Amino acid sequence: MADPVSLSVEATPAAAAPITGLIEEAGAVAAAHFEQLPDGEVGVALVTLTAATSYGSVPIGMWSFLRAADGAVTLAGALEADTDG
């Protein structure tokens, strides 16, 4: 048996759109929360998005966002952009 591998490829924009839309919505919620913090304060926001179904409200995604002292907001665990060209 071959050794297991870990592969990472970028999804097409069309395939990723539903998921990236959820992440963008969660990020907006986190950013709004972070605006309430004093300047220079760091923070972490765990945002859970839910959806109403005939079975009740269900979680559809959960993401952690980080706020740096300079106010920059990032998605925890996001991969760095490839700058090697």
N, C-alpha and C. Protein backbone atom coordinates (compact mmCIF):
# COMPACT_ATOMS: atom_id res chain seq x y z
N MET A 1 0.84 -1.17 0.00
CA MET A 1 0.00 0.00 0.00
C MET A 1 0.89 1.24 0.00
N ALA A 2 0.49 2.22 -0.78
CA ALA A 2 1.25 3.47 -0.84
C ALA A 2 1.06 4.26 0.46
N ASP A 3 2.06 5.08 0.77
CA ASP A 3 1.97 5.94 1.95
C ASP A 3 0.85 6.96 1.75
N PRO A 4 0.14 7.29 2.82
CA PRO A 4 -0.89 8.33 2.69
C PRO A 4 -0.26 9.68 2.35
N VAL A 5 -1.00 10.47 1.63
CA VAL A 5 -0.53 11.80 1.27
C VAL A 5 -1.58 12.83 1.70
N SER A 6 -1.13 14.04 1.84
CA SER A 6 -2.02 15.15 2.13
C SER A 6 -1.97 16.09 0.93
N LEU A 7 -3.11 16.29 0.29
CA LEU A 7 -3.16 17.12 -0.90
C LEU A 7 -4.01 18.36 -0.63
N SER A 8 -3.57 19.48 -1.12
CA SER A 8 -4.32 20.72 -0.97
C SER A 8 -4.40 21.41 -2.32
N VAL A 9 -5.60 21.59 -2.82
CA VAL A 9 -5.79 22.27 -4.09
C VAL A 9 -6.89 23.32 -3.91
N GLU A 10 -6.85 24.35 -4.73
CA GLU A 10 -7.85 25.40 -4.64
C GLU A 10 -9.08 25.00 -5.45
N ALA A 11 -10.25 25.09 -4.80
CA ALA A 11 -11.50 24.78 -5.49
C ALA A 11 -11.80 25.87 -6.51
N THR A 12 -12.58 25.52 -7.50
CA THR A 12 -13.02 26.53 -8.46
C THR A 12 -13.91 27.53 -7.74
N PRO A 13 -13.95 28.77 -8.21
CA PRO A 13 -14.83 29.75 -7.57
C PRO A 13 -16.28 29.30 -7.50
N ALA A 14 -16.77 28.65 -8.54
CA ALA A 14 -18.17 28.21 -8.54
C ALA A 14 -18.42 27.15 -7.46
N ALA A 15 -17.49 26.23 -7.30
CA ALA A 15 -17.66 25.18 -6.30
C ALA A 15 -17.52 25.73 -4.89
N ALA A 16 -16.65 26.70 -4.71
CA ALA A 16 -16.38 27.25 -3.38
C ALA A 16 -17.39 28.30 -2.92
N ALA A 17 -18.13 28.88 -3.85
CA ALA A 17 -19.00 30.02 -3.54
C ALA A 17 -19.95 29.79 -2.35
N PRO A 18 -20.64 28.66 -2.27
CA PRO A 18 -21.54 28.50 -1.12
C PRO A 18 -20.82 28.52 0.22
N ILE A 19 -19.65 27.92 0.26
CA ILE A 19 -18.90 27.86 1.52
C ILE A 19 -18.23 29.19 1.81
N THR A 20 -17.62 29.80 0.82
CA THR A 20 -16.96 31.08 1.07
C THR A 20 -17.99 32.14 1.45
N GLY A 21 -19.19 32.05 0.92
CA GLY A 21 -20.24 32.97 1.32
C GLY A 21 -20.58 32.84 2.80
N LEU A 22 -20.62 31.61 3.30
CA LEU A 22 -20.87 31.40 4.72
C LEU A 22 -19.74 31.97 5.57
N ILE A 23 -18.51 31.74 5.13
CA ILE A 23 -17.36 32.25 5.88
C ILE A 23 -17.36 33.77 5.89
N GLU A 24 -17.67 34.39 4.76
CA GLU A 24 -17.73 35.85 4.68
C GLU A 24 -18.81 36.38 5.63
N GLU A 25 -19.96 35.71 5.68
CA GLU A 25 -21.04 36.14 6.58
C GLU A 25 -20.60 36.02 8.04
N ALA A 26 -19.97 34.92 8.38
CA ALA A 26 -19.47 34.74 9.74
C ALA A 26 -18.39 35.78 10.07
N GLY A 27 -17.54 36.09 9.10
CA GLY A 27 -16.50 37.09 9.31
C GLY A 27 -17.08 38.47 9.57
N ALA A 28 -18.17 38.80 8.90
CA ALA A 28 -18.82 40.09 9.13
C ALA A 28 -19.38 40.17 10.55
N VAL A 29 -19.91 39.06 11.05
CA VAL A 29 -20.41 39.01 12.43
C VAL A 29 -19.25 39.22 13.41
N ALA A 30 -18.13 38.54 13.16
CA ALA A 30 -16.96 38.68 14.03
C ALA A 30 -16.42 40.11 13.99
N ALA A 31 -16.32 40.68 12.80
CA ALA A 31 -15.81 42.05 12.65
C ALA A 31 -16.68 43.04 13.40
N ALA A 32 -18.00 42.87 13.34
CA ALA A 32 -18.92 43.75 14.06
C ALA A 32 -18.69 43.64 15.57
N HIS A 33 -18.45 42.43 16.03
CA HIS A 33 -18.15 42.25 17.46
C HIS A 33 -16.84 42.93 17.82
N PHE A 34 -15.82 42.73 16.99
CA PHE A 34 -14.50 43.29 17.29
C PHE A 34 -14.52 44.82 17.30
N GLU A 35 -15.41 45.44 16.57
CA GLU A 35 -15.51 46.90 16.55
C GLU A 35 -15.88 47.45 17.92
N GLN A 36 -16.46 46.61 18.77
CA GLN A 36 -16.84 47.03 20.11
C GLN A 36 -15.67 47.02 21.08
N LEU A 37 -14.56 46.38 20.71
CA LEU A 37 -13.40 46.28 21.59
C LEU A 37 -12.60 47.58 21.56
N PRO A 38 -11.94 47.90 22.65
CA PRO A 38 -11.08 49.08 22.66
C PRO A 38 -9.93 48.93 21.66
N ASP A 39 -9.44 50.07 21.15
CA ASP A 39 -8.30 50.04 20.24
C ASP A 39 -7.14 49.30 20.89
N GLY A 40 -6.46 48.48 20.11
CA GLY A 40 -5.29 47.75 20.59
C GLY A 40 -5.59 46.46 21.30
N GLU A 41 -6.85 46.18 21.58
CA GLU A 41 -7.19 44.93 22.27
C GLU A 41 -7.31 43.79 21.27
N VAL A 42 -6.69 42.66 21.61
CA VAL A 42 -6.79 41.48 20.76
C VAL A 42 -8.01 40.68 21.18
N GLY A 43 -8.51 39.83 20.30
CA GLY A 43 -9.68 39.04 20.64
C GLY A 43 -9.85 37.84 19.74
N VAL A 44 -10.70 36.95 20.19
CA VAL A 44 -11.07 35.75 19.43
C VAL A 44 -12.59 35.67 19.44
N ALA A 45 -13.17 35.41 18.29
CA ALA A 45 -14.62 35.22 18.19
C ALA A 45 -14.89 33.89 17.51
N LEU A 46 -15.67 33.05 18.15
CA LEU A 46 -16.12 31.80 17.56
C LEU A 46 -17.54 32.04 17.07
N VAL A 47 -17.73 31.96 15.76
CA VAL A 47 -19.04 32.27 15.16
C VAL A 47 -19.64 30.97 14.61
N THR A 48 -20.87 30.70 15.04
CA THR A 48 -21.62 29.54 14.53
C THR A 48 -22.80 30.07 13.73
N LEU A 49 -22.91 29.66 12.49
CA LEU A 49 -24.07 29.99 11.67
C LEU A 49 -25.05 28.83 11.74
N THR A 50 -26.33 29.17 11.83
CA THR A 50 -27.36 28.15 11.89
C THR A 50 -28.36 28.38 10.75
N ALA A 51 -29.15 27.37 10.48
CA ALA A 51 -30.20 27.47 9.47
C ALA A 51 -31.46 26.83 10.01
N ALA A 52 -32.58 27.44 9.69
CA ALA A 52 -33.87 26.89 10.11
C ALA A 52 -34.26 25.75 9.16
N THR A 53 -34.68 24.65 9.75
CA THR A 53 -35.18 23.51 8.98
C THR A 53 -36.51 23.08 9.58
N SER A 54 -37.17 22.15 8.94
CA SER A 54 -38.42 21.64 9.50
C SER A 54 -38.17 20.86 10.80
N TYR A 55 -36.90 20.55 11.08
CA TYR A 55 -36.52 19.83 12.30
C TYR A 55 -36.02 20.76 13.38
N GLY A 56 -36.00 22.05 13.10
CA GLY A 56 -35.48 23.02 14.05
C GLY A 56 -34.25 23.71 13.48
N SER A 57 -33.62 24.51 14.29
CA SER A 57 -32.42 25.24 13.88
C SER A 57 -31.21 24.32 14.00
N VAL A 58 -30.42 24.26 12.94
CA VAL A 58 -29.25 23.38 12.94
C VAL A 58 -27.99 24.18 12.61
N PRO A 59 -26.85 23.82 13.23
CA PRO A 59 -25.61 24.49 12.89
C PRO A 59 -25.14 24.07 11.50
N ILE A 60 -24.71 25.04 10.71
CA ILE A 60 -24.22 24.72 9.37
C ILE A 60 -22.74 25.07 9.18
N GLY A 61 -22.17 25.72 10.17
CA GLY A 61 -20.75 26.04 10.08
C GLY A 61 -20.29 26.79 11.31
N MET A 62 -19.03 26.58 11.67
CA MET A 62 -18.45 27.24 12.83
C MET A 62 -17.01 27.63 12.47
N TRP A 63 -16.69 28.91 12.71
CA TRP A 63 -15.36 29.41 12.39
C TRP A 63 -14.84 30.29 13.51
N SER A 64 -13.52 30.30 13.69
CA SER A 64 -12.88 31.17 14.67
C SER A 64 -12.16 32.29 13.94
N PHE A 65 -12.37 33.50 14.42
CA PHE A 65 -11.72 34.67 13.86
C PHE A 65 -10.86 35.32 14.94
N LEU A 66 -9.73 35.85 14.52
CA LEU A 66 -8.78 36.47 15.44
C LEU A 66 -8.65 37.95 15.12
N ARG A 67 -8.57 38.77 16.16
CA ARG A 67 -8.33 40.19 15.98
C ARG A 67 -6.98 40.52 16.59
N ALA A 68 -6.09 41.06 15.78
CA ALA A 68 -4.77 41.45 16.24
C ALA A 68 -4.83 42.84 16.89
N ALA A 69 -3.76 43.22 17.56
CA ALA A 69 -3.71 44.51 18.23
C ALA A 69 -3.87 45.67 17.24
N ASP A 70 -3.45 45.45 16.00
CA ASP A 70 -3.58 46.52 15.00
C ASP A 70 -4.98 46.56 14.36
N GLY A 71 -5.89 45.70 14.83
CA GLY A 71 -7.26 45.67 14.33
C GLY A 71 -7.49 44.73 13.17
N ALA A 72 -6.44 44.09 12.66
CA ALA A 72 -6.59 43.15 11.54
C ALA A 72 -7.35 41.91 12.00
N VAL A 73 -8.31 41.49 11.18
CA VAL A 73 -9.11 40.30 11.49
C VAL A 73 -8.72 39.20 10.52
N THR A 74 -8.44 38.01 11.06
CA THR A 74 -8.08 36.86 10.23
C THR A 74 -8.91 35.65 10.64
N LEU A 75 -9.01 34.72 9.74
CA LEU A 75 -9.69 33.46 9.98
C LEU A 75 -8.67 32.49 10.57
N ALA A 76 -8.95 31.96 11.74
CA ALA A 76 -8.03 31.02 12.37
C ALA A 76 -7.88 29.79 11.49
N GLY A 77 -6.65 29.38 11.25
CA GLY A 77 -6.38 28.19 10.46
C GLY A 77 -6.33 28.42 8.96
N ALA A 78 -6.54 29.66 8.53
CA ALA A 78 -6.49 29.93 7.09
C ALA A 78 -5.06 29.74 6.58
N LEU A 79 -4.96 29.23 5.38
CA LEU A 79 -3.66 29.03 4.76
C LEU A 79 -3.13 30.35 4.23
N GLU A 80 -1.82 30.53 4.30
CA GLU A 80 -1.20 31.72 3.74
C GLU A 80 -1.32 31.68 2.22
N ALA A 81 -1.46 32.84 1.63
CA ALA A 81 -1.52 32.93 0.17
C ALA A 81 -0.18 32.48 -0.40
N ASP A 82 -0.22 31.77 -1.51
CA ASP A 82 1.00 31.31 -2.18
C ASP A 82 1.66 32.49 -2.87
N THR A 83 2.85 32.84 -2.40
CA THR A 83 3.57 33.98 -2.98
C THR A 83 4.77 33.54 -3.80
N ASP A 84 4.87 32.23 -4.07
CA ASP A 84 6.01 31.73 -4.84
C ASP A 84 5.83 31.93 -6.33
N GLY A 85 4.68 32.44 -6.73
CA GLY A 85 4.46 32.70 -8.16
C GLY A 85 3.87 31.55 -8.82
